[in-house]
């Protein structure tokens, strides 16, 4: 069973509705999920935001966060996920921001991707973030990052259910 099928099954079993905030994955996460029959009722929306201005305007990423930590940072990914979650009816958001390559940017290695998973909870949203490096071409990094984002969604959802933060 593909990671997209597994994720759709997980979303359905746990009554989760997903939104994404994708930069380097350019909508591939939503595209992967939408290929699964019946996924339409589990995807609320997907933002594809490349520029700093789009991240700020559509997802309310603070310009100071971008200036302080860089576009490729877990801090920006966290704000992207929270912004997508805040402006949608979804109860889970996944965000990606990174450098596909082939060149390094601002001292950050090509293949570096930052992720965030945000979940609604009773009190305040619960957010988890990670940075990961993937080898390969632009397309290989993009696909690997999209799969990584989906593979880790259940893990962080279970942690959120137990009241963990991270």
C-alpha atoms as a PDB file:
ATOM      1  CA  UNK A   1       0.000   0.000   0.000  1.00  0.00           C
ATOM      2  CA  UNK A   2       1.393   3.418  -0.943  1.00  0.00           C
ATOM      3  CA  UNK A   3       2.154   6.105   1.615  1.00  0.00           C
ATOM      4  CA  UNK A   4      -0.689   8.175   0.142  1.00  0.00           C
ATOM      5  CA  UNK A   5      -3.164   5.297   0.648  1.00  0.00           C
ATOM      6  CA  UNK A   6      -1.897   4.741   4.184  1.00  0.00           C
ATOM      7  CA  UNK A   7      -2.245   8.444   4.975  1.00  0.00           C
ATOM      8  CA  UNK A   8      -5.768   8.666   3.566  1.00  0.00           C
ATOM      9  CA  UNK A   9      -6.753   5.631   5.654  1.00  0.00           C
ATOM     10  CA  UNK A  10      -5.203   7.204   8.745  1.00  0.00           C
ATOM     11  CA  UNK A  11      -6.921  10.546   8.139  1.00  0.00           C
ATOM     12  CA  UNK A  12     -10.263   8.794   7.701  1.00  0.00           C
ATOM     13  CA  UNK A  13      -9.889   6.563  10.800  1.00  0.00           C
ATOM     14  CA  UNK A  14      -9.025   9.567  12.972  1.00  0.00           C
ATOM     15  CA  UNK A  15     -11.517  12.049  11.484  1.00  0.00           C
ATOM     16  CA  UNK A  16      -8.725  14.340  10.329  1.00  0.00           C
ATOM     17  CA  UNK A  17      -9.111  16.961   7.631  1.00  0.00           C
ATOM     18  CA  UNK A  18      -5.818  18.139   6.119  1.00  0.00           C
ATOM     19  CA  UNK A  19      -4.509  21.422   4.804  1.00  0.00           C
ATOM     20  CA  UNK A  20      -0.984  21.906   3.510  1.00  0.00           C
ATOM     21  CA  UNK A  21       1.403  24.831   3.265  1.00  0.00           C
ATOM     22  CA  UNK A  22       3.940  23.752   0.677  1.00  0.00           C
ATOM     23  CA  UNK A  23       6.932  25.649  -0.601  1.00  0.00           C
ATOM     24  CA  UNK A  24       9.606  23.302  -1.949  1.00  0.00           C
ATOM     25  CA  UNK A  25       7.150  20.415  -2.429  1.00  0.00           C
ATOM     26  CA  UNK A  26       5.022  22.703  -4.643  1.00  0.00           C
ATOM     27  CA  UNK A  27       1.707  20.943  -4.004  1.00  0.00           C
ATOM     28  CA  UNK A  28       3.058  17.416  -4.392  1.00  0.00           C
ATOM     29  CA  UNK A  29       1.692  16.352  -0.989  1.00  0.00           C
ATOM     30  CA  UNK A  30      -1.862  17.274  -1.996  1.00  0.00           C
ATOM     31  CA  UNK A  31      -1.304  15.773  -5.444  1.00  0.00           C
ATOM     32  CA  UNK A  32      -0.188  12.449  -3.950  1.00  0.00           C
ATOM     33  CA  UNK A  33      -3.205  12.302  -1.662  1.00  0.00           C
ATOM     34  CA  UNK A  34      -5.663  13.400  -4.341  1.00  0.00           C
ATOM     35  CA  UNK A  35      -4.646  10.391  -6.458  1.00  0.00           C
ATOM     36  CA  UNK A  36      -6.297   8.158  -3.834  1.00  0.00           C
ATOM     37  CA  UNK A  37      -9.974   7.530  -4.467  1.00  0.00           C
ATOM     38  CA  UNK A  38     -12.153   9.088  -1.774  1.00  0.00           C
ATOM     39  CA  UNK A  39      -9.478  11.489  -0.528  1.00  0.00           C
ATOM     40  CA  UNK A  40     -11.406  14.588  -1.565  1.00  0.00           C
ATOM     41  CA  UNK A  41     -13.419  14.730   1.641  1.00  0.00           C
ATOM     42  CA  UNK A  42     -10.188  14.623   3.712  1.00  0.00           C
ATOM     43  CA  UNK A  43      -8.323  17.503   2.031  1.00  0.00           C
ATOM     44  CA  UNK A  44      -9.557  20.990   2.889  1.00  0.00           C
ATOM     45  CA  UNK A  45      -7.029  22.986   0.860  1.00  0.00           C
ATOM     46  CA  UNK A  46      -3.406  23.315  -0.095  1.00  0.00           C
ATOM     47  CA  UNK A  47      -1.307  26.462  -0.199  1.00  0.00           C
ATOM     48  CA  UNK A  48       1.702  26.601  -2.516  1.00  0.00           C
ATOM     49  CA  UNK A  49       3.800  29.529  -1.334  1.00  0.00           C
ATOM     50  CA  UNK A  50       7.266  30.075  -2.735  1.00  0.00           C
ATOM     51  CA  UNK A  51       8.031  33.721  -2.109  1.00  0.00           C
ATOM     52  CA  UNK A  52       8.556  35.306   1.297  1.00  0.00           C
ATOM     53  CA  UNK A  53       5.754  37.737   0.422  1.00  0.00           C
ATOM     54  CA  UNK A  54       3.287  34.894  -0.220  1.00  0.00           C
ATOM     55  CA  UNK A  55       4.264  33.196   3.030  1.00  0.00           C
ATOM     56  CA  UNK A  56       3.635  36.456   4.871  1.00  0.00           C
ATOM     57  CA  UNK A  57       0.412  37.416   3.064  1.00  0.00           C
ATOM     58  CA  UNK A  58      -1.310  34.032   2.891  1.00  0.00           C
ATOM     59  CA  UNK A  59       0.055  32.222   5.944  1.00  0.00           C
ATOM     60  CA  UNK A  60       0.905  35.150   8.241  1.00  0.00           C
ATOM     61  CA  UNK A  61       4.572  34.184   8.564  1.00  0.00           C
ATOM     62  CA  UNK A  62       6.277  36.965  10.475  1.00  0.00           C
ATOM     63  CA  UNK A  63       8.900  38.803   8.354  1.00  0.00           C
ATOM     64  CA  UNK A  64      11.160  38.898  11.423  1.00  0.00           C
ATOM     65  CA  UNK A  65      11.076  35.093  11.554  1.00  0.00           C
ATOM     66  CA  UNK A  66      12.229  34.909   7.942  1.00  0.00           C
ATOM     67  CA  UNK A  67      14.941  37.513   8.516  1.00  0.00           C
ATOM     68  CA  UNK A  68      16.180  35.909  11.728  1.00  0.00           C
ATOM     69  CA  UNK A  69      16.043  32.225  10.782  1.00  0.00           C
ATOM     70  CA  UNK A  70      15.944  32.140   6.929  1.00  0.00           C
ATOM     71  CA  UNK A  71      13.204  30.816   4.655  1.00  0.00           C
ATOM     72  CA  UNK A  72      14.576  27.306   5.093  1.00  0.00           C
ATOM     73  CA  UNK A  73      14.051  26.911   8.828  1.00  0.00           C
ATOM     74  CA  UNK A  74      11.860  24.947  11.182  1.00  0.00           C
ATOM     75  CA  UNK A  75      10.701  28.280  12.610  1.00  0.00           C
ATOM     76  CA  UNK A  76       9.261  29.348   9.252  1.00  0.00           C
ATOM     77  CA  UNK A  77       7.781  25.880   8.686  1.00  0.00           C
ATOM     78  CA  UNK A  78       6.035  26.085  12.073  1.00  0.00           C
ATOM     79  CA  UNK A  79       4.518  29.480  11.265  1.00  0.00           C
ATOM     80  CA  UNK A  80       3.444  28.212   7.835  1.00  0.00           C
ATOM     81  CA  UNK A  81       1.645  25.226   9.381  1.00  0.00           C
ATOM     82  CA  UNK A  82      -0.033  27.359  12.029  1.00  0.00           C
ATOM     83  CA  UNK A  83      -1.097  29.923   9.428  1.00  0.00           C
ATOM     84  CA  UNK A  84      -2.632  27.254   7.207  1.00  0.00           C
ATOM     85  CA  UNK A  85      -4.398  25.667  10.172  1.00  0.00           C
ATOM     86  CA  UNK A  86      -5.716  29.011  11.418  1.00  0.00           C
ATOM     87  CA  UNK A  87      -7.223  30.026   8.085  1.00  0.00           C
ATOM     88  CA  UNK A  88      -8.928  26.737   7.260  1.00  0.00           C
ATOM     89  CA  UNK A  89     -11.510  24.350   8.635  1.00  0.00           C
ATOM     90  CA  UNK A  90      -8.903  21.568   8.738  1.00  0.00           C
ATOM     91  CA  UNK A  91      -7.709  20.066  12.015  1.00  0.00           C
ATOM     92  CA  UNK A  92      -4.228  19.113  10.777  1.00  0.00           C
ATOM     93  CA  UNK A  93      -1.698  21.025   8.687  1.00  0.00           C
ATOM     94  CA  UNK A  94       1.580  19.971   7.105  1.00  0.00           C
ATOM     95  CA  UNK A  95       4.157  22.524   5.962  1.00  0.00           C
ATOM     96  CA  UNK A  96       7.381  22.238   3.958  1.00  0.00           C
ATOM     97  CA  UNK A  97      10.080  24.737   3.105  1.00  0.00           C
ATOM     98  CA  UNK A  98      13.498  23.912   1.745  1.00  0.00           C
ATOM     99  CA  UNK A  99      16.159  23.962  -0.928  1.00  0.00           C
ATOM    100  CA  UNK A 100      15.798  21.482  -3.764  1.00  0.00           C
ATOM    101  CA  UNK A 101      19.085  22.366  -5.409  1.00  0.00           C
ATOM    102  CA  UNK A 102      21.246  21.804  -7.255  1.00  0.00           C
ATOM    103  CA  UNK A 103      23.035  24.731  -5.560  1.00  0.00           C
ATOM    104  CA  UNK A 104      23.331  25.476  -1.850  1.00  0.00           C
ATOM    105  CA  UNK A 105      21.642  28.720  -0.760  1.00  0.00           C
ATOM    106  CA  UNK A 106      22.772  31.010   2.066  1.00  0.00           C
ATOM    107  CA  UNK A 107      25.070  28.300   3.399  1.00  0.00           C
ATOM    108  CA  UNK A 108      22.223  25.760   3.554  1.00  0.00           C
ATOM    109  CA  UNK A 109      22.875  22.517   1.700  1.00  0.00           C
ATOM    110  CA  UNK A 110      20.754  21.630  -1.294  1.00  0.00           C
ATOM    111  CA  UNK A 111      18.390  18.861  -0.228  1.00  0.00           C
ATOM    112  CA  UNK A 112      17.638  20.448   3.165  1.00  0.00           C
ATOM    113  CA  UNK A 113      13.918  20.534   3.930  1.00  0.00           C
ATOM    114  CA  UNK A 114      12.144  21.798   7.038  1.00  0.00           C
ATOM    115  CA  UNK A 115       8.784  20.349   8.038  1.00  0.00           C
ATOM    116  CA  UNK A 116       6.022  21.182  10.476  1.00  0.00           C
ATOM    117  CA  UNK A 117       2.891  19.285  11.462  1.00  0.00           C
ATOM    118  CA  UNK A 118       0.226  21.235  13.364  1.00  0.00           C
ATOM    119  CA  UNK A 119      -2.871  19.790  15.029  1.00  0.00           C
ATOM    120  CA  UNK A 120      -5.864  21.445  16.646  1.00  0.00           C
ATOM    121  CA  UNK A 121      -6.182  20.554  20.296  1.00  0.00           C
ATOM    122  CA  UNK A 122      -8.509  21.579  23.105  1.00  0.00           C
ATOM    123  CA  UNK A 123      -6.355  24.477  24.300  1.00  0.00           C
ATOM    124  CA  UNK A 124      -4.008  25.617  21.549  1.00  0.00           C
ATOM    125  CA  UNK A 125      -2.578  24.108  18.378  1.00  0.00           C
ATOM    126  CA  UNK A 126       0.113  21.505  18.883  1.00  0.00           C
ATOM    127  CA  UNK A 127       3.079  21.834  16.500  1.00  0.00           C
ATOM    128  CA  UNK A 128       6.002  19.542  15.727  1.00  0.00           C
ATOM    129  CA  UNK A 129       8.872  20.378  13.416  1.00  0.00           C
ATOM    130  CA  UNK A 130      11.918  18.685  11.943  1.00  0.00           C
ATOM    131  CA  UNK A 131      14.739  19.390   9.507  1.00  0.00           C
ATOM    132  CA  UNK A 132      15.893  16.639   7.163  1.00  0.00           C
ATOM    133  CA  UNK A 133      18.418  16.331   4.365  1.00  0.00           C
ATOM    134  CA  UNK A 134      17.645  14.301   1.224  1.00  0.00           C
ATOM    135  CA  UNK A 135      20.155  13.341  -1.486  1.00  0.00           C
ATOM    136  CA  UNK A 136      19.347  13.454  -5.156  1.00  0.00           C
ATOM    137  CA  UNK A 137      18.087  15.642  -7.953  1.00  0.00           C
ATOM    138  CA  UNK A 138      15.489  18.377  -7.463  1.00  0.00           C
ATOM    139  CA  UNK A 139      12.673  15.974  -8.339  1.00  0.00           C
ATOM    140  CA  UNK A 140      14.038  13.231  -6.093  1.00  0.00           C
ATOM    141  CA  UNK A 141      14.356  15.607  -3.136  1.00  0.00           C
ATOM    142  CA  UNK A 142      10.848  16.942  -3.748  1.00  0.00           C
ATOM    143  CA  UNK A 143       9.342  13.442  -3.859  1.00  0.00           C
ATOM    144  CA  UNK A 144      11.306  12.226  -0.842  1.00  0.00           C
ATOM    145  CA  UNK A 145      10.238  15.283   1.162  1.00  0.00           C
ATOM    146  CA  UNK A 146       6.573  14.810   0.231  1.00  0.00           C
ATOM    147  CA  UNK A 147       6.686  11.171   1.306  1.00  0.00           C
ATOM    148  CA  UNK A 148       8.518  12.066   4.534  1.00  0.00           C
ATOM    149  CA  UNK A 149       5.826  14.619   5.402  1.00  0.00           C
ATOM    150  CA  UNK A 150       3.086  12.027   4.969  1.00  0.00           C
ATOM    151  CA  UNK A 151       4.982   9.185   6.672  1.00  0.00           C
ATOM    152  CA  UNK A 152       5.450  11.239   9.837  1.00  0.00           C
ATOM    153  CA  UNK A 153       1.925  12.625  10.117  1.00  0.00           C
ATOM    154  CA  UNK A 154       0.565   9.637  12.124  1.00  0.00           C
ATOM    155  CA  UNK A 155       3.564   9.672  14.479  1.00  0.00           C
ATOM    156  CA  UNK A 156       3.120  13.333  15.367  1.00  0.00           C
ATOM    157  CA  UNK A 157      -0.657  13.005  15.564  1.00  0.00           C
ATOM    158  CA  UNK A 158      -0.267  10.264  18.179  1.00  0.00           C
ATOM    159  CA  UNK A 159       2.155  12.470  20.114  1.00  0.00           C
ATOM    160  CA  UNK A 160      -0.322  15.362  19.944  1.00  0.00           C
ATOM    161  CA  UNK A 161      -3.060  13.102  21.294  1.00  0.00           C
ATOM    162  CA  UNK A 162      -0.845  12.403  24.304  1.00  0.00           C
ATOM    163  CA  UNK A 163      -0.358  16.107  24.924  1.00  0.00           C
ATOM    164  CA  UNK A 164       3.259  16.200  23.774  1.00  0.00           C
ATOM    165  CA  UNK A 165       4.776  19.243  22.091  1.00  0.00           C
ATOM    166  CA  UNK A 166       7.757  19.476  19.858  1.00  0.00           C
END
